């Protein structure tokens, strides 16, 4: 009987401790920092005629991790900002909008910087595949609707430079 009583008291104490810790975890709110824009370069959107349409400040996505996360978890982006994805080779590419909170125009460029296709007004948080029509090496993401507003079309080009 004495062993039973000791086990009962021990079980009650442990149960209280674990329940107390669990409740503390539930009450604790996890705060995350907002992701802010970091200018790493400039992109110039150029009509096939040679006229410059627009200059954008851009963040660069060059690593596998940056390619995978892109503009995820962002609440907004200025109209003069974007993200330029840079790959080492040209091939068919496909993006999706998982954990992306703002509508985007996804613009695919080939190795010589010619626009090959645009996925317009991609729906936030949608996991539908948004492929390029032809092989692409560079992808520019801008706010949804801007490609129409600026008159960007197939055959246009871009140039970019990194900031030091």
N, C-alpha and C. Protein backbone atom coordinates (compact mmCIF):
# COMPACT_ATOMS: atom_id res chain seq x y z
N UNK A 1 0.82 -1.19 0.00
CA UNK A 1 0.00 0.00 0.00
C UNK A 1 0.87 1.26 0.00
N UNK A 2 1.99 1.20 0.74
CA UNK A 2 2.89 2.34 0.82
C UNK A 2 3.46 2.65 -0.56
N UNK A 3 3.87 1.61 -1.32
CA UNK A 3 4.41 1.81 -2.68
C UNK A 3 3.35 2.42 -3.59
N UNK A 4 2.12 1.97 -3.48
CA UNK A 4 1.02 2.51 -4.28
C UNK A 4 0.83 3.99 -3.98
N UNK A 5 0.87 4.37 -2.72
CA UNK A 5 0.69 5.75 -2.32
C UNK A 5 1.83 6.63 -2.87
N UNK A 6 3.05 6.13 -2.82
CA UNK A 6 4.20 6.87 -3.34
C UNK A 6 4.05 7.07 -4.86
N UNK A 7 3.66 6.00 -5.56
CA UNK A 7 3.46 6.09 -7.01
C UNK A 7 2.34 7.06 -7.36
N UNK A 8 1.27 7.04 -6.59
CA UNK A 8 0.14 7.93 -6.83
C UNK A 8 0.56 9.39 -6.66
N UNK A 9 1.28 9.70 -5.59
CA UNK A 9 1.74 11.07 -5.34
C UNK A 9 2.70 11.51 -6.44
N UNK A 10 3.64 10.65 -6.83
CA UNK A 10 4.60 10.95 -7.88
C UNK A 10 3.88 11.21 -9.21
N UNK A 11 2.91 10.39 -9.55
CA UNK A 11 2.14 10.56 -10.78
C UNK A 11 1.37 11.87 -10.77
N UNK A 12 0.80 12.22 -9.64
CA UNK A 12 0.04 13.47 -9.52
C UNK A 12 0.96 14.68 -9.69
N UNK A 13 2.12 14.64 -9.06
CA UNK A 13 3.07 15.75 -9.16
C UNK A 13 3.56 15.90 -10.60
N UNK A 14 3.96 14.81 -11.24
CA UNK A 14 4.43 14.87 -12.62
C UNK A 14 3.34 15.35 -13.57
N UNK A 15 2.15 14.90 -13.37
CA UNK A 15 1.03 15.31 -14.19
C UNK A 15 0.80 16.82 -14.07
N UNK A 16 0.89 17.34 -12.88
CA UNK A 16 0.72 18.77 -12.65
C UNK A 16 1.84 19.57 -13.31
N UNK A 17 3.07 19.09 -13.19
CA UNK A 17 4.21 19.79 -13.79
C UNK A 17 4.07 19.82 -15.31
N UNK A 18 3.78 18.66 -15.94
CA UNK A 18 3.68 18.62 -17.39
C UNK A 18 2.49 19.43 -17.90
N UNK A 19 1.39 19.39 -17.21
CA UNK A 19 0.21 20.16 -17.59
C UNK A 19 0.51 21.64 -17.47
N UNK A 20 1.21 22.02 -16.42
CA UNK A 20 1.56 23.42 -16.21
C UNK A 20 2.49 23.91 -17.32
N UNK A 21 3.49 23.12 -17.70
CA UNK A 21 4.41 23.50 -18.77
C UNK A 21 3.68 23.60 -20.10
N UNK A 22 2.78 22.67 -20.34
CA UNK A 22 2.04 22.68 -21.60
C UNK A 22 1.17 23.92 -21.69
N UNK A 23 0.51 24.28 -20.61
CA UNK A 23 -0.33 25.48 -20.61
C UNK A 23 0.50 26.74 -20.80
N UNK A 24 1.71 26.77 -20.22
CA UNK A 24 2.58 27.92 -20.41
C UNK A 24 2.96 28.08 -21.88
N UNK A 25 3.22 26.96 -22.56
CA UNK A 25 3.58 27.02 -23.98
C UNK A 25 2.43 27.55 -24.81
N UNK A 26 1.21 27.14 -24.48
CA UNK A 26 0.04 27.60 -25.23
C UNK A 26 -0.17 29.09 -25.05
N UNK A 27 0.09 29.60 -23.88
CA UNK A 27 -0.15 31.01 -23.59
C UNK A 27 0.92 31.90 -24.21
N UNK A 28 2.09 31.35 -24.48
CA UNK A 28 3.19 32.12 -25.04
C UNK A 28 2.96 32.37 -26.52
N UNK A 29 2.91 33.62 -26.92
CA UNK A 29 2.74 33.95 -28.34
C UNK A 29 4.12 34.04 -28.98
N UNK A 30 4.23 33.43 -30.14
CA UNK A 30 5.50 33.48 -30.88
C UNK A 30 5.41 34.67 -31.82
N UNK A 31 6.32 35.61 -31.64
CA UNK A 31 6.36 36.78 -32.51
C UNK A 31 7.48 36.61 -33.52
N UNK A 32 7.17 36.94 -34.77
CA UNK A 32 8.18 36.87 -35.82
C UNK A 32 8.39 38.27 -36.38
N UNK A 33 9.57 38.53 -36.86
CA UNK A 33 9.86 39.82 -37.47
C UNK A 33 9.32 39.84 -38.89
N UNK A 34 8.79 40.97 -39.29
CA UNK A 34 8.33 41.14 -40.66
C UNK A 34 9.55 41.12 -41.58
N UNK A 35 9.38 40.52 -42.75
CA UNK A 35 10.47 40.48 -43.72
C UNK A 35 10.46 41.81 -44.47
N UNK A 36 11.58 42.47 -44.47
CA UNK A 36 11.65 43.77 -45.13
C UNK A 36 12.47 43.66 -46.42
N UNK A 37 12.19 44.57 -47.32
CA UNK A 37 12.86 44.62 -48.61
C UNK A 37 14.31 45.05 -48.45
N UNK A 38 15.22 44.38 -49.14
CA UNK A 38 16.63 44.75 -49.14
C UNK A 38 17.08 44.91 -50.59
N UNK A 39 17.38 46.13 -50.98
CA UNK A 39 17.80 46.40 -52.36
C UNK A 39 19.17 45.78 -52.59
N UNK A 40 19.24 44.90 -53.62
CA UNK A 40 20.50 44.26 -53.99
C UNK A 40 20.88 44.55 -55.44
N UNK A 41 19.98 45.21 -56.15
CA UNK A 41 20.26 45.52 -57.54
C UNK A 41 19.18 46.38 -58.15
N UNK A 42 19.37 46.69 -59.43
CA UNK A 42 18.38 47.44 -60.21
C UNK A 42 18.12 46.71 -61.51
N UNK A 43 16.85 46.68 -61.89
CA UNK A 43 16.43 46.08 -63.15
C UNK A 43 15.83 47.18 -64.01
N UNK A 44 16.18 47.16 -65.30
CA UNK A 44 15.61 48.08 -66.27
C UNK A 44 14.79 47.25 -67.25
N UNK A 45 13.50 47.55 -67.35
CA UNK A 45 12.62 46.87 -68.29
C UNK A 45 12.66 47.64 -69.61
N UNK A 46 12.96 46.93 -70.69
CA UNK A 46 13.25 47.57 -71.97
C UNK A 46 12.32 46.99 -73.05
N UNK A 47 11.63 47.88 -73.76
CA UNK A 47 10.79 47.47 -74.89
C UNK A 47 11.67 46.92 -76.00
N UNK A 48 11.09 46.10 -76.87
CA UNK A 48 11.86 45.56 -78.00
C UNK A 48 12.39 46.67 -78.90
N UNK A 49 11.76 47.86 -78.85
CA UNK A 49 12.23 49.02 -79.62
C UNK A 49 13.47 49.66 -79.01
N UNK A 50 13.80 49.29 -77.75
CA UNK A 50 14.97 49.84 -77.07
C UNK A 50 14.62 50.88 -76.02
N UNK A 51 13.38 51.32 -75.96
CA UNK A 51 12.97 52.31 -74.95
C UNK A 51 12.87 51.66 -73.57
N UNK A 52 13.35 52.38 -72.55
CA UNK A 52 13.24 51.88 -71.18
C UNK A 52 11.84 52.17 -70.66
N UNK A 53 11.18 51.13 -70.19
CA UNK A 53 9.83 51.25 -69.64
C UNK A 53 9.83 51.63 -68.16
N UNK A 54 10.72 51.00 -67.44
CA UNK A 54 10.67 51.10 -65.98
C UNK A 54 12.01 50.72 -65.38
N UNK A 55 12.33 51.34 -64.24
CA UNK A 55 13.49 50.95 -63.43
C UNK A 55 12.95 50.46 -62.10
N UNK A 56 13.46 49.31 -61.65
CA UNK A 56 13.01 48.72 -60.39
C UNK A 56 14.19 48.45 -59.48
N UNK A 57 13.97 48.64 -58.18
CA UNK A 57 14.90 48.14 -57.18
C UNK A 57 14.53 46.68 -56.96
N UNK A 58 15.54 45.80 -56.88
CA UNK A 58 15.25 44.38 -56.73
C UNK A 58 16.08 43.73 -55.64
N UNK A 59 15.47 42.70 -55.07
CA UNK A 59 16.21 41.73 -54.27
C UNK A 59 16.57 40.61 -55.23
N UNK A 60 17.68 39.95 -54.97
CA UNK A 60 18.12 38.86 -55.83
C UNK A 60 17.87 37.52 -55.14
N UNK A 61 17.40 36.56 -55.90
CA UNK A 61 17.26 35.18 -55.43
C UNK A 61 18.24 34.35 -56.25
N UNK A 62 19.36 33.97 -55.60
CA UNK A 62 20.42 33.26 -56.32
C UNK A 62 20.71 31.88 -55.77
N UNK A 63 20.41 31.64 -54.50
CA UNK A 63 20.68 30.34 -53.89
C UNK A 63 19.44 29.46 -53.95
N UNK A 64 19.62 28.17 -53.70
CA UNK A 64 18.46 27.26 -53.67
C UNK A 64 17.43 27.72 -52.65
N UNK A 65 17.89 28.12 -51.47
CA UNK A 65 16.96 28.57 -50.42
C UNK A 65 16.19 29.81 -50.89
N UNK A 66 16.89 30.77 -51.49
CA UNK A 66 16.22 31.98 -51.98
C UNK A 66 15.26 31.65 -53.12
N UNK A 67 15.63 30.71 -53.97
CA UNK A 67 14.73 30.29 -55.05
C UNK A 67 13.46 29.68 -54.47
N UNK A 68 13.59 28.91 -53.41
CA UNK A 68 12.44 28.22 -52.83
C UNK A 68 11.53 29.16 -52.05
N UNK A 69 12.08 30.17 -51.39
CA UNK A 69 11.25 31.04 -50.55
C UNK A 69 10.78 32.30 -51.26
N UNK A 70 11.58 32.86 -52.15
CA UNK A 70 11.16 34.02 -52.94
C UNK A 70 10.52 35.10 -52.10
N UNK A 71 9.32 35.50 -52.48
CA UNK A 71 8.60 36.56 -51.78
C UNK A 71 7.58 36.02 -50.77
N UNK A 72 7.77 34.79 -50.33
CA UNK A 72 6.87 34.23 -49.32
C UNK A 72 6.88 35.08 -48.06
N UNK A 73 5.75 35.10 -47.40
CA UNK A 73 5.56 35.74 -46.09
C UNK A 73 5.68 37.26 -46.12
N UNK A 74 5.63 37.87 -47.28
CA UNK A 74 5.66 39.34 -47.38
C UNK A 74 4.23 39.85 -47.38
N UNK A 75 4.00 40.93 -46.66
CA UNK A 75 2.67 41.52 -46.61
C UNK A 75 2.43 42.51 -47.75
N UNK A 76 3.51 43.08 -48.28
CA UNK A 76 3.36 44.06 -49.35
C UNK A 76 4.70 44.26 -50.05
N UNK A 77 4.62 44.96 -51.18
CA UNK A 77 5.83 45.32 -51.92
C UNK A 77 5.49 46.60 -52.68
N UNK A 78 6.42 47.54 -52.73
CA UNK A 78 6.21 48.79 -53.46
C UNK A 78 6.18 48.50 -54.97
N UNK A 79 5.52 49.38 -55.73
CA UNK A 79 5.43 49.18 -57.18
C UNK A 79 6.77 49.34 -57.89
N UNK A 80 7.74 50.00 -57.24
CA UNK A 80 9.06 50.15 -57.87
C UNK A 80 10.04 49.10 -57.36
N UNK A 81 9.50 48.01 -56.79
CA UNK A 81 10.34 46.93 -56.27
C UNK A 81 9.96 45.60 -56.91
N UNK A 82 10.89 44.65 -56.84
CA UNK A 82 10.63 43.32 -57.35
C UNK A 82 11.69 42.36 -56.85
N UNK A 83 11.56 41.11 -57.26
CA UNK A 83 12.57 40.10 -56.95
C UNK A 83 13.00 39.45 -58.25
N UNK A 84 14.31 39.41 -58.46
CA UNK A 84 14.87 38.78 -59.66
C UNK A 84 15.52 37.46 -59.27
N UNK A 85 15.01 36.38 -59.85
CA UNK A 85 15.55 35.04 -59.65
C UNK A 85 16.58 34.79 -60.74
N UNK A 86 17.77 34.41 -60.32
CA UNK A 86 18.86 34.17 -61.26
C UNK A 86 19.27 32.71 -61.17
N UNK A 87 19.21 32.02 -62.29
CA UNK A 87 19.61 30.61 -62.36
C UNK A 87 20.86 30.49 -63.23
N UNK A 88 21.59 29.41 -63.06
CA UNK A 88 22.83 29.22 -63.81
C UNK A 88 22.60 28.67 -65.21
N UNK A 89 21.39 28.19 -65.48
CA UNK A 89 21.11 27.66 -66.81
C UNK A 89 19.66 27.96 -67.21
N UNK A 90 19.42 27.82 -68.49
CA UNK A 90 18.10 28.07 -69.05
C UNK A 90 17.35 26.74 -69.14
N UNK A 91 16.12 26.70 -68.64
CA UNK A 91 15.26 25.52 -68.79
C UNK A 91 13.82 25.92 -68.47
N UNK A 92 12.88 25.01 -68.71
CA UNK A 92 11.50 25.31 -68.35
C UNK A 92 11.41 25.45 -66.84
N UNK A 93 10.76 26.50 -66.40
CA UNK A 93 10.64 26.81 -64.97
C UNK A 93 9.16 26.87 -64.61
N UNK A 94 8.89 26.65 -63.33
CA UNK A 94 7.53 26.75 -62.84
C UNK A 94 7.55 27.27 -61.42
N UNK A 95 6.67 28.22 -61.14
CA UNK A 95 6.55 28.80 -59.81
C UNK A 95 5.15 28.52 -59.27
N UNK A 96 4.96 28.73 -57.99
CA UNK A 96 3.63 28.68 -57.38
C UNK A 96 3.61 29.68 -56.25
N UNK A 97 2.44 29.90 -55.66
CA UNK A 97 2.24 31.01 -54.73
C UNK A 97 2.07 30.57 -53.27
N UNK A 98 2.52 29.38 -52.93
CA UNK A 98 2.40 28.90 -51.56
C UNK A 98 3.04 29.91 -50.60
N UNK A 99 2.32 30.27 -49.56
CA UNK A 99 2.78 31.22 -48.53
C UNK A 99 3.16 32.59 -49.08
N UNK A 100 2.67 32.94 -50.25
CA UNK A 100 2.89 34.26 -50.82
C UNK A 100 1.58 35.02 -50.66
N UNK A 101 1.64 36.16 -49.98
CA UNK A 101 0.43 36.87 -49.56
C UNK A 101 -0.02 37.97 -50.50
N UNK A 102 0.78 38.30 -51.51
CA UNK A 102 0.43 39.38 -52.43
C UNK A 102 0.34 38.84 -53.85
N UNK A 103 -0.61 39.34 -54.66
CA UNK A 103 -0.69 38.89 -56.05
C UNK A 103 0.54 39.36 -56.82
N UNK A 104 1.04 38.52 -57.71
CA UNK A 104 2.26 38.84 -58.44
C UNK A 104 2.10 38.59 -59.93
N UNK A 105 2.85 39.35 -60.72
CA UNK A 105 3.10 39.01 -62.12
C UNK A 105 4.46 38.33 -62.13
N UNK A 106 4.52 37.14 -62.72
CA UNK A 106 5.76 36.37 -62.78
C UNK A 106 6.22 36.40 -64.24
N UNK A 107 7.37 37.04 -64.47
CA UNK A 107 7.84 37.30 -65.83
C UNK A 107 9.08 36.44 -66.09
N UNK A 108 9.00 35.60 -67.11
CA UNK A 108 10.07 34.66 -67.45
C UNK A 108 10.90 35.21 -68.61
N UNK A 109 12.23 35.20 -68.42
CA UNK A 109 13.17 35.66 -69.44
C UNK A 109 14.15 34.55 -69.78
N UNK A 110 14.55 34.47 -71.06
CA UNK A 110 15.53 33.46 -71.46
C UNK A 110 16.95 33.94 -71.17
N UNK A 111 17.94 33.16 -71.60
CA UNK A 111 19.33 33.45 -71.29
C UNK A 111 19.82 34.78 -71.86
N UNK A 112 19.22 35.23 -72.99
CA UNK A 112 19.67 36.51 -73.55
C UNK A 112 18.79 37.67 -73.09
N UNK A 113 18.01 37.46 -72.04
CA UNK A 113 17.15 38.45 -71.38
C UNK A 113 15.91 38.84 -72.16
N UNK A 114 15.47 38.00 -73.10
CA UNK A 114 14.22 38.25 -73.83
C UNK A 114 13.06 37.63 -73.07
N UNK A 115 11.97 38.38 -72.96
CA UNK A 115 10.78 37.90 -72.27
C UNK A 115 10.14 36.77 -73.07
N UNK A 116 9.94 35.61 -72.40
CA UNK A 116 9.34 34.46 -73.09
C UNK A 116 7.90 34.22 -72.67
N UNK A 117 7.52 34.62 -71.44
CA UNK A 117 6.13 34.49 -71.02
C UNK A 117 5.89 35.20 -69.70
N UNK A 118 4.60 35.46 -69.43
CA UNK A 118 4.20 36.12 -68.17
C UNK A 118 3.03 35.35 -67.58
N UNK A 119 3.10 35.09 -66.30
CA UNK A 119 1.95 34.59 -65.54
C UNK A 119 1.42 35.81 -64.78
N UNK A 120 0.26 36.30 -65.18
CA UNK A 120 -0.27 37.55 -64.65
C UNK A 120 -1.19 37.33 -63.46
N UNK A 121 -1.09 38.25 -62.50
CA UNK A 121 -1.96 38.27 -61.32
C UNK A 121 -2.08 36.90 -60.65
N UNK A 122 -0.94 36.29 -60.36
CA UNK A 122 -0.95 35.00 -59.68
C UNK A 122 -1.65 35.15 -58.33
N UNK A 123 -2.53 34.21 -58.04
CA UNK A 123 -3.37 34.27 -56.84
C UNK A 123 -2.58 33.93 -55.59
N UNK A 124 -2.65 34.82 -54.58
CA UNK A 124 -1.95 34.54 -53.32
C UNK A 124 -2.34 33.19 -52.73
N UNK A 125 -1.35 32.49 -52.19
CA UNK A 125 -1.48 31.21 -51.47
C UNK A 125 -1.95 30.05 -52.35
N UNK A 126 -2.03 30.25 -53.65
CA UNK A 126 -2.46 29.19 -54.56
C UNK A 126 -1.25 28.32 -54.91
N UNK A 127 -1.41 27.01 -54.84
CA UNK A 127 -0.30 26.10 -55.12
C UNK A 127 -0.34 25.54 -56.54
N UNK A 128 -1.16 26.13 -57.40
CA UNK A 128 -1.21 25.72 -58.80
C UNK A 128 0.10 26.08 -59.49
N UNK A 129 0.60 25.18 -60.30
CA UNK A 129 1.85 25.40 -61.03
C UNK A 129 1.67 26.51 -62.07
N UNK A 130 2.63 27.43 -62.12
CA UNK A 130 2.60 28.55 -63.06
C UNK A 130 3.86 28.49 -63.92
N UNK A 131 3.83 27.68 -64.98
CA UNK A 131 5.05 27.41 -65.77
C UNK A 131 5.36 28.50 -66.80
N UNK A 132 6.63 28.51 -67.21
CA UNK A 132 7.05 29.35 -68.34
C UNK A 132 6.62 28.64 -69.63
N UNK A 133 6.37 29.42 -70.67
CA UNK A 133 5.98 28.82 -71.95
C UNK A 133 7.19 28.26 -72.69
N UNK A 134 8.36 28.85 -72.43
CA UNK A 134 9.61 28.43 -73.06
C UNK A 134 10.70 28.41 -71.98
N UNK A 135 11.87 27.85 -72.28
CA UNK A 135 12.94 27.83 -71.29
C UNK A 135 13.29 29.24 -70.80
N UNK A 136 13.57 29.35 -69.49
CA UNK A 136 13.90 30.63 -68.87
C UNK A 136 15.09 30.47 -67.95
N UNK A 137 15.87 31.53 -67.83
CA UNK A 137 17.01 31.55 -66.91
C UNK A 137 16.83 32.61 -65.83
N UNK A 138 16.00 33.61 -66.12
CA UNK A 138 15.73 34.69 -65.17
C UNK A 138 14.23 34.84 -65.00
N UNK A 139 13.80 35.09 -63.77
CA UNK A 139 12.39 35.31 -63.50
C UNK A 139 12.29 36.55 -62.63
N UNK A 140 11.42 37.46 -63.05
CA UNK A 140 11.19 38.69 -62.30
C UNK A 140 9.78 38.65 -61.73
N UNK A 141 9.66 38.86 -60.43
CA UNK A 141 8.35 38.96 -59.79
C UNK A 141 8.10 40.41 -59.42
N UNK A 142 6.93 40.92 -59.86
CA UNK A 142 6.50 42.28 -59.54
C UNK A 142 5.05 42.21 -59.06
N UNK A 143 4.56 43.29 -58.52
CA UNK A 143 3.17 43.32 -58.06
C UNK A 143 2.23 42.98 -59.20
N UNK A 144 1.19 42.22 -58.88
CA UNK A 144 0.20 41.81 -59.87
C UNK A 144 -0.45 42.99 -60.57
N UNK A 145 -0.57 42.91 -61.89
CA UNK A 145 -1.21 43.94 -62.70
C UNK A 145 -0.25 44.93 -63.32
N UNK A 146 0.99 45.01 -62.80
CA UNK A 146 1.93 46.01 -63.31
C UNK A 146 2.40 45.70 -64.73
N UNK A 147 2.49 44.43 -65.09
CA UNK A 147 2.96 44.12 -66.46
C UNK A 147 1.98 44.68 -67.49
N UNK A 148 0.68 44.62 -67.22
CA UNK A 148 -0.31 45.22 -68.12
C UNK A 148 -0.24 46.74 -68.06
N UNK A 149 -0.15 47.28 -66.85
CA UNK A 149 -0.09 48.73 -66.67
C UNK A 149 1.11 49.33 -67.39
N UNK A 150 2.25 48.65 -67.36
CA UNK A 150 3.46 49.17 -67.99
C UNK A 150 3.60 48.75 -69.46
N UNK A 151 2.72 47.88 -69.95
CA UNK A 151 2.77 47.45 -71.35
C UNK A 151 3.89 46.47 -71.65
N UNK A 152 4.23 45.63 -70.67
CA UNK A 152 5.29 44.64 -70.86
C UNK A 152 4.73 43.50 -71.71
N UNK A 153 5.51 43.05 -72.71
CA UNK A 153 5.02 41.96 -73.57
C UNK A 153 6.17 41.10 -74.06
N UNK A 154 5.79 39.95 -74.60
CA UNK A 154 6.74 38.98 -75.12
C UNK A 154 7.69 39.68 -76.10
N UNK A 155 8.98 39.35 -75.98
CA UNK A 155 9.98 39.95 -76.85
C UNK A 155 10.70 41.13 -76.21
N UNK A 156 10.09 41.75 -75.17
CA UNK A 156 10.77 42.82 -74.45
C UNK A 156 11.98 42.22 -73.73
N UNK A 157 12.87 43.06 -73.27
CA UNK A 157 14.08 42.60 -72.60
C UNK A 157 14.22 43.27 -71.24
N UNK A 158 15.24 42.86 -70.51
CA UNK A 158 15.59 43.53 -69.27
C UNK A 158 17.11 43.56 -69.16
N UNK A 159 17.59 44.48 -68.35
CA UNK A 159 19.00 44.46 -67.97
C UNK A 159 19.03 44.70 -66.47
N UNK A 160 20.11 44.26 -65.83
CA UNK A 160 20.21 44.49 -64.39
C UNK A 160 21.64 44.70 -63.99
N UNK A 161 21.77 45.36 -62.87
CA UNK A 161 23.08 45.54 -62.25
C UNK A 161 22.91 45.38 -60.75
N UNK A 162 23.93 44.84 -60.13
CA UNK A 162 23.90 44.68 -58.68
C UNK A 162 24.40 45.95 -58.03
N UNK A 163 23.95 46.20 -56.81
CA UNK A 163 24.44 47.35 -56.06
C UNK A 163 25.54 46.87 -55.13
N UNK A 164 26.47 47.72 -54.86
CA UNK A 164 27.62 47.35 -54.00
C UNK A 164 27.36 47.68 -52.56
